[in-house]
């Protein structure tokens, strides 16, 4: 009886996690993060709930040589996957918050989705984090970086500039980069803006915490060796999806380069 109760509690936990990965669908967000996360958590919930049947089936498969190879290989892949995800998460956590040591830096605010009525929830949080930092450090300039997507009524850079001004940041401190289409171009084009305007070459990145590690990897690829970071908080119901998606982003970038 106790064993059944424990299985039910664990299965319920996995079901809640699976539901968290479905939550972003309410705002039309679907990517490899919530797809993979939902499949893994839903599968774990079902396996836990029907654990006796699962172990009986595994025992039957184990009786043949091909079955042994299949189960052993699956176990190795599963363990390797857990270890890899753990390592990636530790690396991501290590770069979440590393503020600059002095004012000799340029803040680069990385854009994301702009909705019809203004910045998306994640973008608004990035803008607020940048605005707070800039208000506390009035001598630091900022490059707002982000182009205009097909479904965006203005560029991400213009949206960020406008909202920073509303937060009381002087327009004289704001430099726009409105041509980039991804993080790599954000950093490449922002570096050119920094060079063309004689701004401090040490860069402080402002983006979501989960995104900082890969952003710094891309920065180094663009020859930006000295970086700090200021992280915006990600809404809790979106964090699992974007955290898992970032695992794939880091692996893809590492293989591609």
C-alpha atoms as a PDB file:
ATOM      1  CA  UNK A   1       0.000   0.000   0.000  1.00  0.00           C
ATOM      2  CA  UNK A   2       2.804   2.413   0.884  1.00  0.00           C
ATOM      3  CA  UNK A   3       4.570   1.526  -2.380  1.00  0.00           C
ATOM      4  CA  UNK A   4       1.440   2.366  -4.377  1.00  0.00           C
ATOM      5  CA  UNK A   5       1.065   5.679  -2.542  1.00  0.00           C
ATOM      6  CA  UNK A   6       4.692   6.608  -3.245  1.00  0.00           C
ATOM      7  CA  UNK A   7       4.247   5.745  -6.938  1.00  0.00           C
ATOM      8  CA  UNK A   8       1.121   7.885  -7.110  1.00  0.00           C
ATOM      9  CA  UNK A   9       2.915  10.854  -5.540  1.00  0.00           C
ATOM     10  CA  UNK A  10       5.905  10.551  -7.895  1.00  0.00           C
ATOM     11  CA  UNK A  11       3.635  10.071 -10.923  1.00  0.00           C
ATOM     12  CA  UNK A  12       1.625  13.138  -9.887  1.00  0.00           C
ATOM     13  CA  UNK A  13       4.856  15.137  -9.674  1.00  0.00           C
ATOM     14  CA  UNK A  14       5.826  14.153 -13.203  1.00  0.00           C
ATOM     15  CA  UNK A  15       2.279  14.963 -14.385  1.00  0.00           C
ATOM     16  CA  UNK A  16       2.555  18.461 -12.903  1.00  0.00           C
ATOM     17  CA  UNK A  17       5.883  18.958 -14.693  1.00  0.00           C
ATOM     18  CA  UNK A  18       4.313  17.748 -17.938  1.00  0.00           C
ATOM     19  CA  UNK A  19       1.511  20.295 -17.469  1.00  0.00           C
ATOM     20  CA  UNK A  20       4.107  23.053 -16.945  1.00  0.00           C
ATOM     21  CA  UNK A  21       5.582  22.255 -20.338  1.00  0.00           C
ATOM     22  CA  UNK A  22       2.110  22.578 -21.871  1.00  0.00           C
ATOM     23  CA  UNK A  23       1.414  25.953 -20.224  1.00  0.00           C
ATOM     24  CA  UNK A  24       3.271  28.022 -22.887  1.00  0.00           C
ATOM     25  CA  UNK A  25       0.827  26.707 -25.500  1.00  0.00           C
ATOM     26  CA  UNK A  26      -1.712  29.140 -24.011  1.00  0.00           C
ATOM     27  CA  UNK A  27       0.302  31.987 -25.556  1.00  0.00           C
ATOM     28  CA  UNK A  28       1.147  30.049 -28.733  1.00  0.00           C
ATOM     29  CA  UNK A  29       4.689  29.153 -27.672  1.00  0.00           C
ATOM     30  CA  UNK A  30       5.752  25.747 -28.945  1.00  0.00           C
ATOM     31  CA  UNK A  31       9.329  24.667 -29.470  1.00  0.00           C
ATOM     32  CA  UNK A  32      11.660  21.743 -28.850  1.00  0.00           C
ATOM     33  CA  UNK A  33      11.793  22.700 -25.169  1.00  0.00           C
ATOM     34  CA  UNK A  34       8.158  22.105 -24.287  1.00  0.00           C
ATOM     35  CA  UNK A  35       7.774  19.243 -26.792  1.00  0.00           C
ATOM     36  CA  UNK A  36      10.735  17.306 -25.376  1.00  0.00           C
ATOM     37  CA  UNK A  37       9.941  18.212 -21.778  1.00  0.00           C
ATOM     38  CA  UNK A  38       6.309  17.119 -22.081  1.00  0.00           C
ATOM     39  CA  UNK A  39       7.184  13.800 -23.741  1.00  0.00           C
ATOM     40  CA  UNK A  40       9.810  12.953 -21.103  1.00  0.00           C
ATOM     41  CA  UNK A  41       7.672  13.963 -18.105  1.00  0.00           C
ATOM     42  CA  UNK A  42       4.474  12.357 -19.412  1.00  0.00           C
ATOM     43  CA  UNK A  43       6.374   9.145 -20.185  1.00  0.00           C
ATOM     44  CA  UNK A  44       7.933   9.171 -16.710  1.00  0.00           C
ATOM     45  CA  UNK A  45       4.488   9.639 -15.143  1.00  0.00           C
ATOM     46  CA  UNK A  46       3.035   6.663 -17.047  1.00  0.00           C
ATOM     47  CA  UNK A  47       6.053   4.418 -16.329  1.00  0.00           C
ATOM     48  CA  UNK A  48       5.947   5.293 -12.618  1.00  0.00           C
ATOM     49  CA  UNK A  49       2.205   4.716 -12.403  1.00  0.00           C
ATOM     50  CA  UNK A  50       2.455   1.301 -14.061  1.00  0.00           C
ATOM     51  CA  UNK A  51       5.873   0.367 -12.675  1.00  0.00           C
ATOM     52  CA  UNK A  52       5.056  -3.321 -11.932  1.00  0.00           C
ATOM     53  CA  UNK A  53       3.902  -3.870 -15.526  1.00  0.00           C
ATOM     54  CA  UNK A  54       6.939  -2.004 -16.838  1.00  0.00           C
ATOM     55  CA  UNK A  55       9.396  -4.118 -14.844  1.00  0.00           C
ATOM     56  CA  UNK A  56       7.631  -7.315 -15.927  1.00  0.00           C
ATOM     57  CA  UNK A  57       7.891  -6.263 -19.588  1.00  0.00           C
ATOM     58  CA  UNK A  58      11.548  -5.314 -19.157  1.00  0.00           C
ATOM     59  CA  UNK A  59      12.205  -8.737 -17.601  1.00  0.00           C
ATOM     60  CA  UNK A  60      10.764 -10.473 -20.642  1.00  0.00           C
ATOM     61  CA  UNK A  61      12.807  -8.343 -23.027  1.00  0.00           C
ATOM     62  CA  UNK A  62      15.971  -9.057 -21.015  1.00  0.00           C
ATOM     63  CA  UNK A  63      15.655 -12.810 -21.645  1.00  0.00           C
ATOM     64  CA  UNK A  64      16.992 -12.536 -25.219  1.00  0.00           C
ATOM     65  CA  UNK A  65      20.418 -11.258 -26.316  1.00  0.00           C
ATOM     66  CA  UNK A  66      18.969  -8.500 -28.546  1.00  0.00           C
ATOM     67  CA  UNK A  67      16.763  -7.525 -25.606  1.00  0.00           C
ATOM     68  CA  UNK A  68      19.752  -7.289 -23.285  1.00  0.00           C
ATOM     69  CA  UNK A  69      21.590  -5.110 -25.816  1.00  0.00           C
ATOM     70  CA  UNK A  70      18.531  -2.886 -26.245  1.00  0.00           C
ATOM     71  CA  UNK A  71      17.922  -2.395 -22.522  1.00  0.00           C
ATOM     72  CA  UNK A  72      21.617  -1.896 -21.710  1.00  0.00           C
ATOM     73  CA  UNK A  73      22.006   0.631 -24.533  1.00  0.00           C
ATOM     74  CA  UNK A  74      18.854   2.447 -23.436  1.00  0.00           C
ATOM     75  CA  UNK A  75      20.146   2.604 -19.870  1.00  0.00           C
ATOM     76  CA  UNK A  76      23.503   4.014 -20.966  1.00  0.00           C
ATOM     77  CA  UNK A  77      21.825   6.623 -23.189  1.00  0.00           C
ATOM     78  CA  UNK A  78      19.424   7.595 -20.419  1.00  0.00           C
ATOM     79  CA  UNK A  79      22.203   7.952 -17.854  1.00  0.00           C
ATOM     80  CA  UNK A  80      24.338   9.897 -20.331  1.00  0.00           C
ATOM     81  CA  UNK A  81      21.419  12.197 -21.076  1.00  0.00           C
ATOM     82  CA  UNK A  82      20.842  12.938 -17.388  1.00  0.00           C
ATOM     83  CA  UNK A  83      24.542  13.644 -16.856  1.00  0.00           C
ATOM     84  CA  UNK A  84      24.701  15.927 -19.912  1.00  0.00           C
ATOM     85  CA  UNK A  85      21.610  17.869 -18.836  1.00  0.00           C
ATOM     86  CA  UNK A  86      23.078  18.237 -15.353  1.00  0.00           C
ATOM     87  CA  UNK A  87      26.377  19.561 -16.704  1.00  0.00           C
ATOM     88  CA  UNK A  88      24.625  21.992 -19.064  1.00  0.00           C
ATOM     89  CA  UNK A  89      22.396  23.244 -16.245  1.00  0.00           C
ATOM     90  CA  UNK A  90      25.418  23.855 -14.004  1.00  0.00           C
ATOM     91  CA  UNK A  91      27.128  25.807 -16.786  1.00  0.00           C
ATOM     92  CA  UNK A  92      23.976  27.867 -17.354  1.00  0.00           C
ATOM     93  CA  UNK A  93      23.607  28.582 -13.645  1.00  0.00           C
ATOM     94  CA  UNK A  94      27.233  29.704 -13.422  1.00  0.00           C
ATOM     95  CA  UNK A  95      26.610  32.597 -15.825  1.00  0.00           C
ATOM     96  CA  UNK A  96      23.262  33.879 -14.573  1.00  0.00           C
ATOM     97  CA  UNK A  97      24.582  36.894 -12.695  1.00  0.00           C
ATOM     98  CA  UNK A  98      28.014  38.483 -13.088  1.00  0.00           C
ATOM     99  CA  UNK A  99      27.623  42.296 -12.899  1.00  0.00           C
ATOM    100  CA  UNK A 100      30.434  44.588 -14.079  1.00  0.00           C
ATOM    101  CA  UNK A 101      33.061  45.700 -11.585  1.00  0.00           C
ATOM    102  CA  UNK A 102      33.038  49.354 -12.742  1.00  0.00           C
ATOM    103  CA  UNK A 103      31.341  51.747 -15.171  1.00  0.00           C
ATOM    104  CA  UNK A 104      33.793  51.127 -18.023  1.00  0.00           C
ATOM    105  CA  UNK A 105      31.347  48.931 -19.914  1.00  0.00           C
ATOM    106  CA  UNK A 106      28.567  49.040 -22.500  1.00  0.00           C
ATOM    107  CA  UNK A 107      25.281  47.330 -21.730  1.00  0.00           C
ATOM    108  CA  UNK A 108      23.944  45.274 -24.653  1.00  0.00           C
ATOM    109  CA  UNK A 109      20.238  44.541 -24.255  1.00  0.00           C
ATOM    110  CA  UNK A 110      19.240  41.509 -26.332  1.00  0.00           C
ATOM    111  CA  UNK A 111      15.779  41.619 -27.853  1.00  0.00           C
ATOM    112  CA  UNK A 112      13.056  39.013 -28.210  1.00  0.00           C
ATOM    113  CA  UNK A 113       9.431  38.888 -29.323  1.00  0.00           C
ATOM    114  CA  UNK A 114       7.437  42.110 -29.773  1.00  0.00           C
ATOM    115  CA  UNK A 115       3.649  41.730 -29.638  1.00  0.00           C
ATOM    116  CA  UNK A 116       1.074  43.993 -31.279  1.00  0.00           C
ATOM    117  CA  UNK A 117       0.483  45.892 -28.058  1.00  0.00           C
ATOM    118  CA  UNK A 118       4.136  46.237 -27.077  1.00  0.00           C
ATOM    119  CA  UNK A 119       6.917  44.053 -25.719  1.00  0.00           C
ATOM    120  CA  UNK A 120       6.234  40.423 -24.875  1.00  0.00           C
ATOM    121  CA  UNK A 121       6.321  39.401 -21.221  1.00  0.00           C
ATOM    122  CA  UNK A 122       9.925  38.200 -21.484  1.00  0.00           C
ATOM    123  CA  UNK A 123      11.068  41.292 -23.371  1.00  0.00           C
ATOM    124  CA  UNK A 124       9.387  43.627 -20.882  1.00  0.00           C
ATOM    125  CA  UNK A 125      11.270  41.915 -18.053  1.00  0.00           C
ATOM    126  CA  UNK A 126      14.559  42.342 -19.903  1.00  0.00           C
ATOM    127  CA  UNK A 127      13.801  46.030 -20.438  1.00  0.00           C
ATOM    128  CA  UNK A 128      12.945  46.522 -16.758  1.00  0.00           C
ATOM    129  CA  UNK A 129      16.142  44.752 -15.660  1.00  0.00           C
ATOM    130  CA  UNK A 130      18.180  46.934 -18.024  1.00  0.00           C
ATOM    131  CA  UNK A 131      16.334  50.082 -16.935  1.00  0.00           C
ATOM    132  CA  UNK A 132      17.019  49.378 -13.263  1.00  0.00           C
ATOM    133  CA  UNK A 133      20.715  48.759 -13.959  1.00  0.00           C
ATOM    134  CA  UNK A 134      21.056  51.886 -16.115  1.00  0.00           C
ATOM    135  CA  UNK A 135      19.297  54.034 -13.507  1.00  0.00           C
ATOM    136  CA  UNK A 136      21.804  52.818 -10.918  1.00  0.00           C
ATOM    137  CA  UNK A 137      24.749  53.412 -13.291  1.00  0.00           C
ATOM    138  CA  UNK A 138      24.046  56.724 -15.094  1.00  0.00           C
ATOM    139  CA  UNK A 139      27.411  56.765 -16.902  1.00  0.00           C
ATOM    140  CA  UNK A 140      26.929  53.463 -18.725  1.00  0.00           C
ATOM    141  CA  UNK A 141      25.605  53.540 -22.336  1.00  0.00           C
ATOM    142  CA  UNK A 142      23.334  50.853 -23.767  1.00  0.00           C
ATOM    143  CA  UNK A 143      22.957  49.211 -27.181  1.00  0.00           C
ATOM    144  CA  UNK A 144      19.442  47.872 -27.761  1.00  0.00           C
ATOM    145  CA  UNK A 145      19.737  45.010 -30.216  1.00  0.00           C
ATOM    146  CA  UNK A 146      17.027  43.328 -32.259  1.00  0.00           C
ATOM    147  CA  UNK A 147      15.579  43.538 -35.757  1.00  0.00           C
ATOM    148  CA  UNK A 148      11.973  43.440 -36.918  1.00  0.00           C
ATOM    149  CA  UNK A 149      10.365  40.046 -37.467  1.00  0.00           C
ATOM    150  CA  UNK A 150       7.663  39.436 -40.056  1.00  0.00           C
ATOM    151  CA  UNK A 151       4.969  39.464 -37.361  1.00  0.00           C
ATOM    152  CA  UNK A 152       6.361  42.437 -35.410  1.00  0.00           C
ATOM    153  CA  UNK A 153       4.984  45.935 -36.001  1.00  0.00           C
ATOM    154  CA  UNK A 154       8.276  47.624 -35.044  1.00  0.00           C
ATOM    155  CA  UNK A 155      11.821  46.435 -34.532  1.00  0.00           C
ATOM    156  CA  UNK A 156      12.745  44.969 -31.166  1.00  0.00           C
ATOM    157  CA  UNK A 157      15.397  47.684 -30.841  1.00  0.00           C
ATOM    158  CA  UNK A 158      12.857  50.484 -31.319  1.00  0.00           C
ATOM    159  CA  UNK A 159      10.491  48.861 -28.831  1.00  0.00           C
ATOM    160  CA  UNK A 160      13.260  48.599 -26.224  1.00  0.00           C
ATOM    161  CA  UNK A 161      14.452  52.158 -26.860  1.00  0.00           C
ATOM    162  CA  UNK A 162      10.932  53.528 -26.426  1.00  0.00           C
ATOM    163  CA  UNK A 163      10.303  51.700 -23.165  1.00  0.00           C
ATOM    164  CA  UNK A 164      13.703  52.586 -21.717  1.00  0.00           C
ATOM    165  CA  UNK A 165      12.921  56.257 -22.376  1.00  0.00           C
ATOM    166  CA  UNK A 166       9.595  55.785 -20.570  1.00  0.00           C
ATOM    167  CA  UNK A 167      11.575  54.387 -17.643  1.00  0.00           C
ATOM    168  CA  UNK A 168      13.553  57.628 -17.502  1.00  0.00           C
ATOM    169  CA  UNK A 169      16.694  56.614 -19.402  1.00  0.00           C
ATOM    170  CA  UNK A 170      18.096  59.470 -21.510  1.00  0.00           C
ATOM    171  CA  UNK A 171      17.954  58.927 -25.273  1.00  0.00           C
ATOM    172  CA  UNK A 172      21.551  60.145 -25.472  1.00  0.00           C
ATOM    173  CA  UNK A 173      22.666  56.943 -23.747  1.00  0.00           C
ATOM    174  CA  UNK A 174      20.738  54.609 -26.054  1.00  0.00           C
ATOM    175  CA  UNK A 175      22.225  53.269 -29.300  1.00  0.00           C
ATOM    176  CA  UNK A 176      20.113  51.189 -31.664  1.00  0.00           C
ATOM    177  CA  UNK A 177      21.015  48.040 -33.584  1.00  0.00           C
ATOM    178  CA  UNK A 178      17.885  47.064 -35.505  1.00  0.00           C
ATOM    179  CA  UNK A 179      19.073  44.648 -38.208  1.00  0.00           C
ATOM    180  CA  UNK A 180      19.872  41.438 -36.308  1.00  0.00           C
ATOM    181  CA  UNK A 181      17.742  38.309 -36.603  1.00  0.00           C
ATOM    182  CA  UNK A 182      19.317  36.038 -33.969  1.00  0.00           C
ATOM    183  CA  UNK A 183      21.671  36.129 -30.991  1.00  0.00           C
ATOM    184  CA  UNK A 184      24.768  35.719 -33.142  1.00  0.00           C
ATOM    185  CA  UNK A 185      23.839  38.777 -35.208  1.00  0.00           C
ATOM    186  CA  UNK A 186      22.819  40.660 -32.034  1.00  0.00           C
ATOM    187  CA  UNK A 187      26.392  40.397 -30.824  1.00  0.00           C
ATOM    188  CA  UNK A 188      28.119  40.849 -34.181  1.00  0.00           C
ATOM    189  CA  UNK A 189      26.167  43.995 -35.095  1.00  0.00           C
ATOM    190  CA  UNK A 190      26.227  45.394 -31.552  1.00  0.00           C
ATOM    191  CA  UNK A 191      30.005  45.115 -31.534  1.00  0.00           C
ATOM    192  CA  UNK A 192      30.080  47.270 -34.684  1.00  0.00           C
ATOM    193  CA  UNK A 193      27.843  49.872 -33.000  1.00  0.00           C
ATOM    194  CA  UNK A 194      30.213  49.916 -30.025  1.00  0.00           C
ATOM    195  CA  UNK A 195      33.257  50.389 -32.271  1.00  0.00           C
ATOM    196  CA  UNK A 196      31.650  53.023 -34.516  1.00  0.00           C
ATOM    197  CA  UNK A 197      30.557  55.154 -31.553  1.00  0.00           C
ATOM    198  CA  UNK A 198      33.681  54.762 -29.446  1.00  0.00           C
ATOM    199  CA  UNK A 199      31.810  53.101 -26.594  1.00  0.00           C
ATOM    200  CA  UNK A 200      33.539  51.011 -23.893  1.00  0.00           C
ATOM    201  CA  UNK A 201      34.526  47.680 -25.439  1.00  0.00           C
ATOM    202  CA  UNK A 202      33.840  45.642 -22.316  1.00  0.00           C
ATOM    203  CA  UNK A 203      30.317  44.292 -22.795  1.00  0.00           C
ATOM    204  CA  UNK A 204      27.646  43.605 -20.196  1.00  0.00           C
ATOM    205  CA  UNK A 205      24.886  41.408 -21.605  1.00  0.00           C
ATOM    206  CA  UNK A 206      21.290  41.793 -20.487  1.00  0.00           C
ATOM    207  CA  UNK A 207      19.035  38.850 -21.306  1.00  0.00           C
ATOM    208  CA  UNK A 208      17.206  36.055 -19.490  1.00  0.00           C
ATOM    209  CA  UNK A 209      19.290  34.019 -17.070  1.00  0.00           C
ATOM    210  CA  UNK A 210      18.848  30.777 -18.996  1.00  0.00           C
ATOM    211  CA  UNK A 211      20.217  32.483 -22.125  1.00  0.00           C
ATOM    212  CA  UNK A 212      23.381  33.999 -20.642  1.00  0.00           C
ATOM    213  CA  UNK A 213      25.737  31.031 -21.057  1.00  0.00           C
ATOM    214  CA  UNK A 214      25.064  30.558 -24.784  1.00  0.00           C
ATOM    215  CA  UNK A 215      25.079  34.323 -25.347  1.00  0.00           C
ATOM    216  CA  UNK A 216      28.578  34.465 -23.861  1.00  0.00           C
ATOM    217  CA  UNK A 217      29.665  31.550 -26.070  1.00  0.00           C
ATOM    218  CA  UNK A 218      28.464  33.474 -29.115  1.00  0.00           C
ATOM    219  CA  UNK A 219      30.110  36.663 -27.846  1.00  0.00           C
ATOM    220  CA  UNK A 220      33.488  34.934 -27.682  1.00  0.00           C
ATOM    221  CA  UNK A 221      32.942  33.694 -31.230  1.00  0.00           C
ATOM    222  CA  UNK A 222      32.552  37.326 -32.311  1.00  0.00           C
ATOM    223  CA  UNK A 223      35.819  38.277 -30.623  1.00  0.00           C
ATOM    224  CA  UNK A 224      34.166  39.783 -27.537  1.00  0.00           C
ATOM    225  CA  UNK A 225      36.373  38.318 -24.828  1.00  0.00           C
ATOM    226  CA  UNK A 226      35.443  40.509 -21.887  1.00  0.00           C
ATOM    227  CA  UNK A 227      31.793  40.169 -20.861  1.00  0.00           C
ATOM    228  CA  UNK A 228      29.670  40.584 -17.763  1.00  0.00           C
ATOM    229  CA  UNK A 229      25.958  39.999 -17.438  1.00  0.00           C
ATOM    230  CA  UNK A 230      22.747  41.267 -15.897  1.00  0.00           C
ATOM    231  CA  UNK A 231      19.873  38.784 -15.994  1.00  0.00           C
ATOM    232  CA  UNK A 232      16.150  39.349 -16.218  1.00  0.00           C
ATOM    233  CA  UNK A 233      13.882  36.974 -14.313  1.00  0.00           C
ATOM    234  CA  UNK A 234      11.934  34.534 -16.483  1.00  0.00           C
ATOM    235  CA  UNK A 235       8.255  33.843 -15.616  1.00  0.00           C
ATOM    236  CA  UNK A 236       8.126  30.557 -13.700  1.00  0.00           C
ATOM    237  CA  UNK A 237       5.596  28.952 -16.030  1.00  0.00           C
ATOM    238  CA  UNK A 238       7.849  29.645 -19.038  1.00  0.00           C
ATOM    239  CA  UNK A 239      11.186  28.771 -17.449  1.00  0.00           C
ATOM    240  CA  UNK A 240      11.071  24.940 -17.843  1.00  0.00           C
ATOM    241  CA  UNK A 241      10.334  25.226 -21.566  1.00  0.00           C
ATOM    242  CA  UNK A 242      13.090  27.730 -22.281  1.00  0.00           C
ATOM    243  CA  UNK A 243      15.587  26.043 -19.971  1.00  0.00           C
ATOM    244  CA  UNK A 244      15.215  22.732 -21.838  1.00  0.00           C
ATOM    245  CA  UNK A 245      15.257  24.474 -25.212  1.00  0.00           C
ATOM    246  CA  UNK A 246      18.542  26.081 -24.215  1.00  0.00           C
ATOM    247  CA  UNK A 247      20.105  22.640 -23.678  1.00  0.00           C
ATOM    248  CA  UNK A 248      19.477  21.898 -27.335  1.00  0.00           C
ATOM    249  CA  UNK A 249      20.696  25.359 -28.342  1.00  0.00           C
ATOM    250  CA  UNK A 250      24.025  24.894 -26.547  1.00  0.00           C
ATOM    251  CA  UNK A 251      24.557  21.403 -27.989  1.00  0.00           C
ATOM    252  CA  UNK A 252      23.624  22.567 -31.494  1.00  0.00           C
ATOM    253  CA  UNK A 253      25.966  25.550 -31.279  1.00  0.00           C
ATOM    254  CA  UNK A 254      28.828  23.400 -29.944  1.00  0.00           C
ATOM    255  CA  UNK A 255      28.442  20.893 -32.796  1.00  0.00           C
ATOM    256  CA  UNK A 256      27.948  23.546 -35.468  1.00  0.00           C
ATOM    257  CA  UNK A 257      31.024  25.584 -34.639  1.00  0.00           C
END
